[in-house]
Amino acid sequence: MISLRRRLLSLAGLVVLFFIGLTGTVLDQAFRQSLDRAQMERLQGAVYTLLAAAHLSDDAQLLPQTLPDARLSTPGSGLYAVILGRTGPVWRSPSLLTLDWEPEAFLPAGESRSYRHESNGMALYALAYGLSWEEASGRQAEFTLHVAEDTAAYQAQLAAFRASLWGWLAVAAIALLLTQLLVLYWSLQPLSAVARDLRDIECGRATMLQGRYPLEITGLVRSLNRLLQSERRRTIHYRDTLANLAHSLKTPLTVLRNALESGQLEPAEALEQIDRIDASIQYQLRRAAASHHHLLLSAPQPVAPVLERVLRALAKAYADKPMRVDSAVAAEASFPGSEGDLMEVLGNLLDNAYKWGRRHIRIEARPLTAQGGLLLIVEDDGPGIDPAAARAVLERGVRADEQVPGQGIGLAVVAELAANVNGQVQIERSELGGARFRLELPGW
């Protein structure tokens, strides 16, 4: 894979070359137009000066009395003139002595025309001007004055300009490319710093991305740090889960072993110990399923549809216990994690409410702040929870009495899920008379 720096530099180089070429073409065209206008103005000036020096001869021929430009009298000087009458040329400048140029266009008075002419390997740029000459004596005649200039000077100027133009543009292109290289190197330094910091983490020299990074990648760095924290917590979580499972299996296995060795194993006792083992395994699997890395990398989940599914399932499970459920869920309420974790949270809280409530449950869900997050409140009209025992209920996940079904295992999982995203669970006294669980989950 081509590196990001090389890719950006290649693209920047193509853009620079394109605009340098476009700039050179535009400037070249503008200079050529300027040269054309200057040449046309010189030819028009030559026409006017010749007319100012001309007079009508006795045989009605228009002849210059003097030559206003010395080049017109110097053969091969580069400036040439011809006066055409209706019957042909009436005057040719001495500069045409070595040049075969015979213009034929005869124009009406007041009309002018520019054109190019090749003669004896020489390129000429010419201007023809039609005029009607009338003197005070009443004599009148029509003529066409042709003035031409050699384009060698024009081509030399254009070639010199192009050499200078493209030379300087090449220097500018190199300077811009070097500047782009420096800018790209400087701009991509934060990404290189992130890569170096990640290598330090891989080698064990660091545990987090601690550098100062630009605003554009702070979100990436924050997510990477959360992912690193998630991985460490997940490792600890699995290690603790295995340790808890081993510890919880130790006692029933010991009882079974002793009973088998003594030959006094009763079926009822064996079933009891097997049930304890099964309960321990199921509980630890549930805790493992609550691993927080799902929350960190999942898109927010709408609360309302999942809540409806959970309530339908619980209504069937507690069909012998009719319960009034008041639900107030904002349409924008969303859970910052996976659908499975949302099912776990709602299922555990509502199962606890169904289990301990008498006739009435109240549910409320809305965004925690204007920026997002979730505030979830579940209340029941049961006996409630003593405030002094509230913390113990949430921390029961590592205690021996977790093995008794319905005695806080689910609440411990809810508390752990909330802690994994820097949330919290509060247990209060409800206006209904029972427990009020307030779950606050911040958004990302």
Protein backbone atom coordinates (compact mmCIF):
# COMPACT_ATOMS: atom_id res chain seq x y z
CA MET A 1 0.00 0.00 0.00
CA ILE A 2 1.29 3.44 -0.93
CA SER A 3 1.89 5.63 2.12
CA LEU A 4 -0.47 8.47 2.93
CA ARG A 5 2.39 10.97 2.71
CA ARG A 6 3.41 9.76 -0.75
CA ARG A 7 -0.19 9.71 -1.92
CA LEU A 8 -0.82 13.29 -0.80
CA LEU A 9 2.49 14.46 -2.24
CA SER A 10 1.71 12.85 -5.61
CA LEU A 11 -1.71 14.48 -5.70
CA ALA A 12 -0.28 17.85 -4.64
CA GLY A 13 2.42 17.53 -7.32
CA LEU A 14 -0.17 16.86 -10.02
CA VAL A 15 -2.23 19.84 -8.86
CA VAL A 16 0.84 22.11 -8.83
CA LEU A 17 1.95 20.98 -12.28
CA PHE A 18 -1.55 21.44 -13.68
CA PHE A 19 -1.90 24.98 -12.36
CA ILE A 20 1.67 25.89 -13.30
CA GLY A 21 0.98 24.70 -16.85
CA LEU A 22 -2.34 26.52 -16.93
CA THR A 23 -0.71 29.70 -15.61
CA GLY A 24 2.10 29.47 -18.17
CA THR A 25 -0.36 28.95 -21.02
CA VAL A 26 -2.51 31.91 -19.95
CA LEU A 27 0.53 34.21 -19.53
CA ASP A 28 1.98 33.09 -22.88
CA GLN A 29 -1.31 33.81 -24.63
CA ALA A 30 -1.60 37.20 -22.94
CA PHE A 31 1.97 38.12 -23.96
CA ARG A 32 1.35 37.06 -27.56
CA GLN A 33 -1.77 39.21 -27.68
CA SER A 34 0.23 42.10 -26.25
CA LEU A 35 2.92 41.63 -28.92
CA ASP A 36 0.25 41.49 -31.63
CA ARG A 37 -1.30 44.73 -30.40
CA ALA A 38 2.10 46.42 -30.21
CA GLN A 39 2.98 45.30 -33.75
CA MET A 40 -0.37 46.50 -35.06
CA GLU A 41 0.11 49.87 -33.36
CA ARG A 42 3.57 50.20 -34.92
CA LEU A 43 2.18 49.47 -38.39
CA GLN A 44 -0.65 51.94 -37.88
CA GLY A 45 1.92 54.55 -36.79
CA ALA A 46 3.95 53.84 -39.92
CA VAL A 47 0.81 54.28 -42.07
CA TYR A 48 0.02 57.64 -40.50
CA THR A 49 3.58 58.98 -40.80
CA LEU A 50 3.77 57.94 -44.46
CA LEU A 51 0.48 59.65 -45.20
CA ALA A 52 1.68 62.77 -43.43
CA ALA A 53 4.76 62.87 -45.69
CA ALA A 54 2.94 62.02 -48.96
CA HIS A 55 1.72 64.29 -51.77
CA LEU A 56 -0.12 63.82 -55.05
CA SER A 57 2.21 64.14 -58.06
CA ASP A 58 1.38 65.76 -61.39
CA ASP A 59 0.43 62.41 -62.85
CA ALA A 60 -1.98 61.76 -59.88
CA GLN A 61 0.37 59.35 -58.11
CA LEU A 62 0.73 59.39 -54.34
CA LEU A 63 4.39 59.69 -53.41
CA PRO A 64 6.08 60.34 -50.02
CA GLN A 65 8.23 63.47 -50.12
CA THR A 66 10.41 62.19 -47.26
CA LEU A 67 10.71 58.89 -45.46
CA PRO A 68 9.79 59.42 -41.79
CA ASP A 69 11.40 56.10 -40.68
CA ALA A 70 15.02 55.42 -41.66
CA ARG A 71 14.26 51.69 -41.92
CA LEU A 72 12.08 52.34 -44.98
CA SER A 73 15.16 53.52 -46.87
CA THR A 74 17.46 50.70 -45.73
CA PRO A 75 17.23 47.45 -47.77
CA GLY A 76 16.22 44.43 -45.69
CA SER A 77 15.67 46.56 -42.58
CA GLY A 78 12.48 44.75 -41.62
CA LEU A 79 10.01 47.59 -42.33
CA TYR A 80 8.49 47.79 -45.78
CA ALA A 81 5.78 49.81 -47.56
CA VAL A 82 3.97 49.70 -50.90
CA ILE A 83 1.39 52.15 -52.33
CA LEU A 84 -1.06 50.57 -54.76
CA GLY A 85 -3.15 52.47 -57.27
CA ARG A 86 -5.94 50.98 -59.29
CA THR A 87 -3.49 49.96 -62.02
CA GLY A 88 -0.79 48.57 -59.74
CA PRO A 89 2.04 49.69 -57.46
CA VAL A 90 2.83 53.41 -57.68
CA TRP A 91 5.54 53.43 -55.01
CA ARG A 92 7.74 50.88 -53.20
CA SER A 93 9.97 51.70 -50.26
CA PRO A 94 13.74 51.36 -50.86
CA SER A 95 13.82 48.72 -48.09
CA LEU A 96 12.15 46.31 -50.56
CA LEU A 97 15.18 46.29 -52.85
CA THR A 98 16.17 42.74 -51.84
CA LEU A 99 12.66 41.44 -51.12
CA ASP A 100 10.05 40.23 -53.56
CA TRP A 101 6.77 41.41 -52.09
CA GLU A 102 3.94 42.32 -54.41
CA PRO A 103 0.72 42.99 -52.47
CA GLU A 104 -2.42 42.91 -54.60
CA ALA A 105 -5.30 43.74 -52.25
CA PHE A 106 -6.97 47.04 -53.15
CA LEU A 107 -9.33 48.23 -50.42
CA PRO A 108 -12.12 50.81 -50.43
CA ALA A 109 -11.39 54.10 -48.72
CA GLY A 110 -11.44 53.88 -44.95
CA GLU A 111 -11.14 50.07 -44.79
CA SER A 112 -8.14 48.36 -43.21
CA ARG A 113 -7.03 44.73 -43.05
CA SER A 114 -4.18 42.91 -41.34
CA TYR A 115 -2.61 39.75 -42.75
CA ARG A 116 0.53 37.64 -42.80
CA HIS A 117 2.78 37.00 -45.80
CA GLU A 118 5.66 34.60 -46.51
CA SER A 119 8.28 35.81 -48.96
CA ASN A 120 11.77 34.41 -49.63
CA GLY A 121 11.60 32.45 -46.38
CA MET A 122 10.74 35.62 -44.49
CA ALA A 123 7.50 35.99 -42.54
CA LEU A 124 5.85 39.42 -42.70
CA TYR A 125 3.02 40.89 -40.68
CA ALA A 126 1.23 43.45 -42.88
CA LEU A 127 -1.47 46.08 -42.63
CA ALA A 128 -3.42 47.32 -45.67
CA TYR A 129 -5.22 50.67 -45.48
CA GLY A 130 -7.56 52.02 -48.18
CA LEU A 131 -7.73 55.79 -48.68
CA SER A 132 -9.12 58.44 -50.97
CA TRP A 133 -6.75 61.38 -51.61
CA GLU A 134 -8.16 64.76 -52.57
CA GLU A 135 -6.28 68.04 -52.87
CA ALA A 136 -7.50 71.62 -52.73
CA SER A 137 -7.21 71.93 -56.50
CA GLY A 138 -9.86 69.28 -56.81
CA ARG A 139 -7.64 66.43 -57.96
CA GLN A 140 -8.67 63.14 -56.40
CA ALA A 141 -7.36 59.56 -56.49
CA GLU A 142 -7.80 56.30 -54.52
CA PHE A 143 -4.94 54.24 -53.17
CA THR A 144 -4.20 51.35 -50.78
CA LEU A 145 -1.16 51.66 -48.54
CA HIS A 146 0.48 48.35 -47.48
CA VAL A 147 2.93 48.45 -44.59
CA ALA A 148 4.69 45.28 -43.41
CA GLU A 149 7.13 44.36 -40.67
CA ASP A 150 9.40 41.36 -40.39
CA THR A 151 8.20 39.01 -37.58
CA ALA A 152 11.76 38.00 -36.64
CA ALA A 153 11.85 40.56 -33.82
CA TYR A 154 8.37 39.41 -32.79
CA GLN A 155 9.47 35.77 -32.65
CA ALA A 156 12.68 36.67 -30.81
CA GLN A 157 10.74 38.57 -28.15
CA LEU A 158 8.25 35.73 -27.82
CA ALA A 159 11.01 33.11 -27.54
CA ALA A 160 12.87 35.14 -24.92
CA PHE A 161 9.68 35.64 -22.93
CA ARG A 162 8.81 31.95 -23.08
CA ALA A 163 12.26 30.90 -21.96
CA SER A 164 12.10 33.30 -19.03
CA LEU A 165 8.48 32.42 -18.22
CA TRP A 166 8.86 28.64 -18.18
CA GLY A 167 12.18 28.90 -16.40
CA TRP A 168 10.70 30.87 -13.56
CA LEU A 169 7.57 28.71 -13.50
CA ALA A 170 9.77 25.62 -13.21
CA VAL A 171 11.56 27.23 -10.27
CA ALA A 172 8.18 28.13 -8.74
CA ALA A 173 6.93 24.56 -9.26
CA ILE A 174 9.98 23.10 -7.53
CA ALA A 175 9.62 25.59 -4.68
CA LEU A 176 5.92 24.79 -4.31
CA LEU A 177 6.57 21.04 -4.35
CA LEU A 178 9.25 21.41 -1.68
CA THR A 179 6.88 23.57 0.35
CA GLN A 180 4.14 20.98 -0.08
CA LEU A 181 6.55 18.29 1.06
CA LEU A 182 7.42 20.26 4.20
CA VAL A 183 3.76 21.08 4.87
CA LEU A 184 2.72 17.44 4.46
CA TYR A 185 5.57 16.25 6.65
CA TRP A 186 4.62 18.75 9.35
CA SER A 187 0.87 18.08 9.00
CA LEU A 188 1.27 14.30 9.23
CA GLN A 189 3.60 14.43 12.22
CA PRO A 190 0.68 13.88 14.66
CA LEU A 191 -0.22 10.63 12.88
CA SER A 192 3.40 9.54 13.07
CA ALA A 193 3.35 10.43 16.77
CA VAL A 194 0.24 8.27 17.25
CA ALA A 195 1.99 5.38 15.47
CA ARG A 196 5.06 5.79 17.71
CA ASP A 197 2.91 5.91 20.84
CA LEU A 198 1.07 2.77 19.74
CA ARG A 199 4.41 1.00 19.26
CA ASP A 200 5.38 2.06 22.78
CA ILE A 201 2.13 0.55 24.04
CA GLU A 202 2.80 -2.68 22.12
CA CYS A 203 6.29 -2.86 23.63
CA GLY A 204 4.97 -2.21 27.13
CA ARG A 205 6.64 1.17 27.53
CA ALA A 206 3.27 2.95 27.88
CA THR A 207 -0.32 2.09 28.67
CA MET A 208 -2.19 5.02 27.07
CA LEU A 209 -1.84 7.61 24.31
CA GLN A 210 -0.69 10.56 26.38
CA GLY A 211 0.68 13.01 23.79
CA ARG A 212 -0.80 16.33 22.70
CA TYR A 213 -2.58 15.88 19.38
CA PRO A 214 -4.42 18.23 16.99
CA LEU A 215 -8.14 18.71 17.39
CA GLU A 216 -8.89 16.70 14.24
CA ILE A 217 -7.55 13.43 15.70
CA THR A 218 -8.42 13.88 19.37
CA GLY A 219 -11.59 11.88 18.76
CA LEU A 220 -9.53 9.06 17.28
CA VAL A 221 -7.08 9.17 20.19
CA ARG A 222 -9.93 9.21 22.69
CA SER A 223 -11.54 6.19 21.03
CA LEU A 224 -8.23 4.33 20.95
CA ASN A 225 -7.69 5.04 24.64
CA ARG A 226 -11.19 3.78 25.40
CA LEU A 227 -10.47 0.67 23.35
CA LEU A 228 -7.21 0.09 25.25
CA GLN A 229 -9.02 0.55 28.54
CA SER A 230 -11.71 -1.79 27.31
CA GLU A 231 -9.20 -4.49 26.44
CA ARG A 232 -7.50 -4.23 29.84
CA ARG A 233 -10.83 -4.29 31.66
CA ARG A 234 -12.01 -7.20 29.53
CA THR A 235 -8.87 -9.16 30.38
CA ILE A 236 -9.33 -8.45 34.08
CA HIS A 237 -13.04 -9.19 33.74
CA TYR A 238 -12.44 -12.61 32.18
CA ARG A 239 -9.70 -13.42 34.66
CA ASP A 240 -11.93 -12.51 37.59
CA THR A 241 -14.85 -14.40 36.05
CA LEU A 242 -12.76 -17.57 35.75
CA ALA A 243 -11.48 -17.11 39.30
CA ASN A 244 -15.02 -16.60 40.58
CA LEU A 245 -16.24 -19.63 38.67
CA ALA A 246 -13.42 -21.79 40.02
CA HIS A 247 -14.12 -20.57 43.53
CA SER A 248 -17.87 -21.15 43.27
CA LEU A 249 -17.38 -24.67 41.88
CA LYS A 250 -14.89 -25.64 44.57
CA THR A 251 -17.41 -26.22 47.34
CA PRO A 252 -20.01 -28.35 45.47
CA LEU A 253 -17.25 -30.38 43.81
CA THR A 254 -15.67 -30.99 47.18
CA VAL A 255 -19.00 -32.14 48.60
CA LEU A 256 -19.52 -34.53 45.68
CA ARG A 257 -15.96 -35.87 45.96
CA ASN A 258 -16.26 -36.50 49.68
CA ALA A 259 -19.66 -38.17 49.24
CA LEU A 260 -18.34 -40.43 46.47
CA GLU A 261 -15.26 -41.38 48.49
CA SER A 262 -17.34 -42.16 51.54
CA GLY A 263 -19.94 -44.08 49.52
CA GLN A 264 -22.74 -42.02 51.10
CA LEU A 265 -23.85 -40.04 48.05
CA GLU A 266 -27.59 -39.46 48.14
CA PRO A 267 -29.41 -38.62 44.88
CA ALA A 268 -31.07 -35.57 46.41
CA GLU A 269 -27.73 -34.27 47.66
CA ALA A 270 -26.10 -34.95 44.28
CA LEU A 271 -28.88 -33.06 42.47
CA GLU A 272 -28.56 -30.17 44.89
CA GLN A 273 -24.82 -29.86 44.25
CA ILE A 274 -25.32 -30.19 40.49
CA ASP A 275 -27.92 -27.40 40.62
CA ARG A 276 -25.42 -25.22 42.47
CA ILE A 277 -22.77 -25.93 39.84
CA ASP A 278 -25.22 -25.13 37.05
CA ALA A 279 -26.31 -21.91 38.77
CA SER A 280 -22.68 -20.84 39.19
CA ILE A 281 -21.88 -21.51 35.53
CA GLN A 282 -24.98 -19.68 34.31
CA TYR A 283 -24.28 -16.69 36.48
CA GLN A 284 -20.63 -16.37 35.44
CA LEU A 285 -21.61 -16.71 31.80
CA ARG A 286 -24.05 -13.86 32.25
CA ARG A 287 -21.35 -11.72 33.79
CA ALA A 288 -18.94 -12.56 30.98
CA ALA A 289 -21.62 -11.56 28.46
CA ALA A 290 -21.76 -8.15 30.10
CA SER A 291 -18.21 -7.36 28.97
CA HIS A 292 -17.98 -3.65 28.38
CA HIS A 293 -16.23 -3.69 25.03
CA HIS A 294 -19.60 -4.05 23.32
CA LEU A 295 -20.66 -0.70 24.70
CA LEU A 296 -17.55 1.06 23.54
CA LEU A 297 -17.80 0.15 19.88
CA SER A 298 -21.56 -0.11 19.26
CA ALA A 299 -23.91 2.43 17.76
CA PRO A 300 -26.59 3.86 20.10
CA GLN A 301 -29.75 1.73 20.25
CA PRO A 302 -33.30 3.19 20.48
CA VAL A 303 -34.84 2.30 23.83
CA ALA A 304 -38.55 2.15 22.94
CA PRO A 305 -38.66 -0.93 20.65
CA VAL A 306 -36.42 -3.01 22.92
CA LEU A 307 -38.47 -2.01 25.97
CA GLU A 308 -41.66 -3.18 24.26
CA ARG A 309 -40.13 -6.60 23.57
CA VAL A 310 -38.91 -6.96 27.14
CA LEU A 311 -42.31 -5.98 28.59
CA ARG A 312 -44.11 -8.50 26.35
CA ALA A 313 -41.77 -11.28 27.46
CA LEU A 314 -42.12 -10.42 31.16
CA ALA A 315 -45.91 -10.19 30.89
CA LYS A 316 -45.92 -13.79 29.67
CA ALA A 317 -43.39 -14.91 32.29
CA TYR A 318 -45.45 -13.34 35.10
CA ALA A 319 -48.86 -14.11 33.63
CA ASP A 320 -50.12 -15.05 37.10
CA LYS A 321 -49.18 -11.63 38.45
CA PRO A 322 -51.12 -8.83 36.70
CA MET A 323 -49.07 -5.63 36.76
CA ARG A 324 -49.90 -2.08 35.75
CA VAL A 325 -46.99 -0.65 33.77
CA ASP A 326 -46.72 3.12 33.12
CA SER A 327 -44.11 3.87 30.46
CA ALA A 328 -42.82 7.32 29.50
CA VAL A 329 -40.08 6.89 26.91
CA ALA A 330 -38.84 9.85 24.84
CA ALA A 331 -38.57 9.12 21.12
CA GLU A 332 -34.94 10.28 21.11
CA ALA A 333 -33.92 8.14 24.10
CA SER A 334 -31.08 5.83 23.04
CA PHE A 335 -28.73 3.43 24.81
CA PRO A 336 -24.96 3.93 24.19
CA GLY A 337 -24.18 0.30 23.45
CA SER A 338 -25.35 -2.89 21.78
CA GLU A 339 -28.90 -4.18 21.66
CA GLY A 340 -27.90 -7.23 23.68
CA ASP A 341 -26.58 -5.08 26.54
CA LEU A 342 -29.73 -2.95 26.43
CA MET A 343 -31.81 -6.13 26.70
CA GLU A 344 -29.65 -7.18 29.66
CA VAL A 345 -30.15 -3.85 31.46
CA LEU A 346 -33.90 -3.60 30.86
CA GLY A 347 -34.48 -7.29 31.48
CA ASN A 348 -32.68 -7.30 34.83
CA LEU A 349 -34.24 -4.07 36.12
CA LEU A 350 -37.78 -4.96 35.01
CA ASP A 351 -37.49 -8.58 36.13
CA ASN A 352 -36.54 -7.26 39.58
CA ALA A 353 -39.52 -4.87 39.48
CA TYR A 354 -41.93 -7.65 38.46
CA LYS A 355 -40.49 -9.95 41.09
CA TRP A 356 -40.80 -7.55 44.01
CA GLY A 357 -43.57 -5.22 42.84
CA ARG A 358 -47.15 -5.79 43.88
CA ARG A 359 -49.39 -4.14 41.24
CA HIS A 360 -47.66 -1.09 39.76
CA ILE A 361 -44.43 -0.40 37.82
CA ARG A 362 -43.34 2.94 36.39
CA ILE A 363 -40.67 3.35 33.65
CA GLU A 364 -39.12 6.57 32.35
CA ALA A 365 -36.38 6.98 29.69
CA ARG A 366 -34.99 10.19 28.19
CA PRO A 367 -31.65 11.71 27.10
CA LEU A 368 -29.39 12.42 30.04
CA THR A 369 -28.19 15.76 28.60
CA ALA A 370 -28.69 17.82 25.46
CA GLN A 371 -25.58 16.12 24.04
CA GLY A 372 -27.00 12.61 24.49
CA GLY A 373 -26.64 9.79 26.98
CA LEU A 374 -29.50 7.99 28.69
CA LEU A 375 -31.43 8.45 31.92
CA LEU A 376 -33.45 5.33 32.77
CA ILE A 377 -35.71 5.14 35.83
CA VAL A 378 -37.58 1.99 36.93
CA GLU A 379 -39.89 2.10 39.96
CA ASP A 380 -42.12 -0.45 41.67
CA ASP A 381 -44.55 -0.55 44.60
CA GLY A 382 -42.84 -3.44 46.37
CA PRO A 383 -41.17 -3.47 49.79
CA GLY A 384 -38.24 -1.39 48.57
CA ILE A 385 -34.57 -1.61 49.52
CA ASP A 386 -33.03 -0.29 52.69
CA PRO A 387 -30.66 2.60 51.72
CA ALA A 388 -27.99 1.06 53.96
CA ALA A 389 -28.12 -2.13 51.90
CA ALA A 390 -28.29 -0.49 48.47
CA ARG A 391 -24.54 -0.63 47.82
CA ALA A 392 -24.36 -4.26 48.99
CA VAL A 393 -27.16 -5.20 46.55
CA LEU A 394 -25.20 -3.76 43.61
CA GLU A 395 -21.92 -5.33 44.75
CA ARG A 396 -23.28 -8.78 45.37
CA GLY A 397 -21.75 -10.15 42.19
CA VAL A 398 -18.73 -11.46 44.07
CA ARG A 399 -20.50 -12.70 47.22
CA ALA A 400 -21.59 -16.18 48.15
CA ASP A 401 -25.33 -15.41 48.33
CA GLU A 402 -25.32 -14.62 44.59
CA GLN A 403 -26.06 -18.31 44.09
CA VAL A 404 -29.63 -17.84 45.33
CA PRO A 405 -31.80 -17.09 42.27
CA GLY A 406 -33.36 -13.66 42.27
CA GLN A 407 -31.20 -12.17 44.98
CA GLY A 408 -29.34 -9.42 43.10
CA ILE A 409 -27.35 -11.22 40.40
CA GLY A 410 -29.00 -9.21 37.63
CA LEU A 411 -28.57 -5.94 39.51
CA ALA A 412 -24.84 -6.61 39.82
CA VAL A 413 -24.64 -7.08 36.05
CA VAL A 414 -26.51 -3.78 35.50
CA ALA A 415 -24.13 -1.98 37.85
CA GLU A 416 -21.14 -3.43 36.02
CA LEU A 417 -22.49 -2.42 32.60
CA ALA A 418 -23.05 1.13 33.87
CA ALA A 419 -19.56 1.31 35.39
CA ASN A 420 -17.98 0.21 32.11
CA VAL A 421 -19.17 3.43 30.43
CA ASN A 422 -18.58 5.70 33.43
CA GLY A 423 -22.26 5.54 34.32
CA GLN A 424 -23.87 4.93 37.67
CA VAL A 425 -26.85 3.23 39.29
CA GLN A 426 -28.65 4.81 42.22
CA ILE A 427 -31.24 3.06 44.38
CA GLU A 428 -33.79 5.36 46.02
CA ARG A 429 -37.23 5.18 47.61
CA SER A 430 -40.02 5.45 45.02
CA GLU A 431 -43.19 7.50 45.40
CA LEU A 432 -44.99 4.21 44.68
CA GLY A 433 -43.57 2.85 47.94
CA GLY A 434 -40.98 0.45 46.57
CA ALA A 435 -37.52 0.76 45.01
CA ARG A 436 -36.54 3.38 42.45
CA PHE A 437 -33.57 2.48 40.23
CA ARG A 438 -31.99 5.49 38.49
CA LEU A 439 -29.50 4.53 35.75
CA GLU A 440 -27.37 7.33 34.24
CA LEU A 441 -25.27 6.52 31.15
CA PRO A 442 -23.25 9.35 29.59
CA GLY A 443 -23.08 9.66 25.80
CA TRP A 444 -19.89 9.72 23.77
